[in-house]
Amino acid sequence: MEAAAKSPDGARCDHRLFVGGLHHDATELEVEKRFRPFGEVGCITLKTRRDETGHPTKTFAYVDLCATEGQLHKCKNLYKSQ
């Protein structure tokens, strides 16, 4: 997961997170539910890479999250161990 720049008020940060290893049937709603406890979820972009026969090989997402540094730290600690 990678963090982006701080917001102008300094109290909250806007972060664009890379979330890998998702099941190919994952939905935006499922991803949102996972990250909602850590802050305000903005845009979610799900991507699925497919092989030459069209079968899914990798599914990942980009999640825009507005969270404090503390919330982001908790999120990273929880999901980096999974």
C-alpha atoms as a PDB file:
ATOM      1  CA  MET A   1       0.000   0.000   0.000  1.00  0.00           C
ATOM      2  CA  GLU A   2       1.237   3.460  -0.795  1.00  0.00           C
ATOM      3  CA  ALA A   3       0.191   6.793   0.652  1.00  0.00           C
ATOM      4  CA  ALA A   4      -0.293  10.006  -1.334  1.00  0.00           C
ATOM      5  CA  ALA A   5      -0.018  13.680  -0.335  1.00  0.00           C
ATOM      6  CA  LYS A   6      -1.547  15.331   2.741  1.00  0.00           C
ATOM      7  CA  SER A   7      -4.663  17.454   2.529  1.00  0.00           C
ATOM      8  CA  PRO A   8      -4.316  21.225   3.090  1.00  0.00           C
ATOM      9  CA  ASP A   9      -5.821  21.126   6.618  1.00  0.00           C
ATOM     10  CA  GLY A  10      -3.125  18.674   7.760  1.00  0.00           C
ATOM     11  CA  ALA A  11      -5.539  16.751   9.970  1.00  0.00           C
ATOM     12  CA  ARG A  12      -6.539  14.172   7.387  1.00  0.00           C
ATOM     13  CA  CYS A  13      -4.721  12.692   4.439  1.00  0.00           C
ATOM     14  CA  ASP A  14      -5.882  11.491   1.079  1.00  0.00           C
ATOM     15  CA  HIS A  15      -4.319   8.165   0.271  1.00  0.00           C
ATOM     16  CA  ARG A  16      -4.403   6.045  -2.851  1.00  0.00           C
ATOM     17  CA  LEU A  17      -3.868   2.464  -1.785  1.00  0.00           C
ATOM     18  CA  PHE A  18      -2.913  -0.485  -3.944  1.00  0.00           C
ATOM     19  CA  VAL A  19      -4.688  -3.645  -2.802  1.00  0.00           C
ATOM     20  CA  GLY A  20      -3.423  -6.846  -4.392  1.00  0.00           C
ATOM     21  CA  GLY A  21      -4.348 -10.482  -4.132  1.00  0.00           C
ATOM     22  CA  LEU A  22      -8.104 -10.047  -4.494  1.00  0.00           C
ATOM     23  CA  HIS A  23     -10.333 -12.871  -5.645  1.00  0.00           C
ATOM     24  CA  HIS A  24     -11.448 -12.400  -9.243  1.00  0.00           C
ATOM     25  CA  ASP A  25     -15.083 -12.201  -8.077  1.00  0.00           C
ATOM     26  CA  ALA A  26     -14.371  -9.304  -5.666  1.00  0.00           C
ATOM     27  CA  THR A  27     -16.776  -6.362  -5.875  1.00  0.00           C
ATOM     28  CA  GLU A  28     -16.378  -2.661  -5.125  1.00  0.00           C
ATOM     29  CA  LEU A  29     -18.841  -3.035  -2.241  1.00  0.00           C
ATOM     30  CA  GLU A  30     -16.743  -5.803  -0.641  1.00  0.00           C
ATOM     31  CA  VAL A  31     -13.588  -3.717  -0.936  1.00  0.00           C
ATOM     32  CA  GLU A  32     -15.369  -0.666   0.488  1.00  0.00           C
ATOM     33  CA  LYS A  33     -16.601  -2.644   3.505  1.00  0.00           C
ATOM     34  CA  ARG A  34     -13.025  -3.746   4.235  1.00  0.00           C
ATOM     35  CA  PHE A  35     -11.664  -0.194   4.260  1.00  0.00           C
ATOM     36  CA  ARG A  36     -14.593   1.806   5.667  1.00  0.00           C
ATOM     37  CA  PRO A  37     -13.511   1.235   9.318  1.00  0.00           C
ATOM     38  CA  PHE A  38     -10.273   3.128   8.576  1.00  0.00           C
ATOM     39  CA  GLY A  39     -11.717   6.290   7.057  1.00  0.00           C
ATOM     40  CA  GLU A  40     -13.857   7.680   4.287  1.00  0.00           C
ATOM     41  CA  VAL A  41     -13.652   5.559   1.146  1.00  0.00           C
ATOM     42  CA  GLY A  42     -13.670   7.463  -2.118  1.00  0.00           C
ATOM     43  CA  CYS A  43     -13.148   5.986  -5.551  1.00  0.00           C
ATOM     44  CA  ILE A  44     -12.459   2.254  -5.913  1.00  0.00           C
ATOM     45  CA  THR A  45     -10.990   0.973  -9.160  1.00  0.00           C
ATOM     46  CA  LEU A  46     -11.009  -2.816  -9.605  1.00  0.00           C
ATOM     47  CA  LYS A  47      -8.733  -4.325 -12.240  1.00  0.00           C
ATOM     48  CA  THR A  48      -8.508  -7.925 -13.439  1.00  0.00           C
ATOM     49  CA  ARG A  49      -5.693  -9.167 -15.637  1.00  0.00           C
ATOM     50  CA  ARG A  50      -6.560 -12.075 -17.873  1.00  0.00           C
ATOM     51  CA  ASP A  51      -4.474 -14.634 -19.719  1.00  0.00           C
ATOM     52  CA  GLU A  52      -4.604 -15.145 -23.470  1.00  0.00           C
ATOM     53  CA  THR A  53      -7.666 -17.404 -23.102  1.00  0.00           C
ATOM     54  CA  GLY A  54      -9.576 -14.823 -21.067  1.00  0.00           C
ATOM     55  CA  HIS A  55      -9.261 -16.488 -17.669  1.00  0.00           C
ATOM     56  CA  PRO A  56      -8.558 -14.125 -14.751  1.00  0.00           C
ATOM     57  CA  THR A  57      -5.003 -14.321 -13.431  1.00  0.00           C
ATOM     58  CA  LYS A  58      -4.702 -11.328 -11.065  1.00  0.00           C
ATOM     59  CA  THR A  59      -7.259  -9.051  -9.491  1.00  0.00           C
ATOM     60  CA  PHE A  60      -6.322  -5.899  -7.618  1.00  0.00           C
ATOM     61  CA  ALA A  61      -7.791  -2.539  -6.691  1.00  0.00           C
ATOM     62  CA  TYR A  62      -6.868   1.066  -6.118  1.00  0.00           C
ATOM     63  CA  VAL A  63      -8.724   2.579  -3.172  1.00  0.00           C
ATOM     64  CA  ASP A  64      -8.870   6.301  -2.408  1.00  0.00           C
ATOM     65  CA  LEU A  65      -9.062   6.627   1.369  1.00  0.00           C
ATOM     66  CA  CYS A  66      -9.376   9.787   3.425  1.00  0.00           C
ATOM     67  CA  ALA A  67      -7.898   8.877   6.803  1.00  0.00           C
ATOM     68  CA  THR A  68      -5.682  10.175   9.560  1.00  0.00           C
ATOM     69  CA  GLU A  69      -2.129   8.868   9.823  1.00  0.00           C
ATOM     70  CA  GLY A  70      -3.248   6.754  12.804  1.00  0.00           C
ATOM     71  CA  GLN A  71      -6.120   5.184  10.862  1.00  0.00           C
ATOM     72  CA  LEU A  72      -3.835   4.476   7.906  1.00  0.00           C
ATOM     73  CA  HIS A  73      -1.258   2.876  10.202  1.00  0.00           C
ATOM     74  CA  LYS A  74      -3.915   0.545  11.666  1.00  0.00           C
ATOM     75  CA  CYS A  75      -5.107  -0.365   8.181  1.00  0.00           C
ATOM     76  CA  LYS A  76      -1.606  -1.170   6.943  1.00  0.00           C
ATOM     77  CA  ASN A  77      -0.800  -3.224  10.028  1.00  0.00           C
ATOM     78  CA  LEU A  78      -3.955  -5.287   9.655  1.00  0.00           C
ATOM     79  CA  TYR A  79      -3.695  -5.998   5.936  1.00  0.00           C
ATOM     80  CA  LYS A  80       0.043  -6.366   5.467  1.00  0.00           C
ATOM     81  CA  SER A  81      -0.035  -9.521   7.597  1.00  0.00           C
ATOM     82  CA  GLN A  82      -2.753 -11.170   5.478  1.00  0.00           C
END
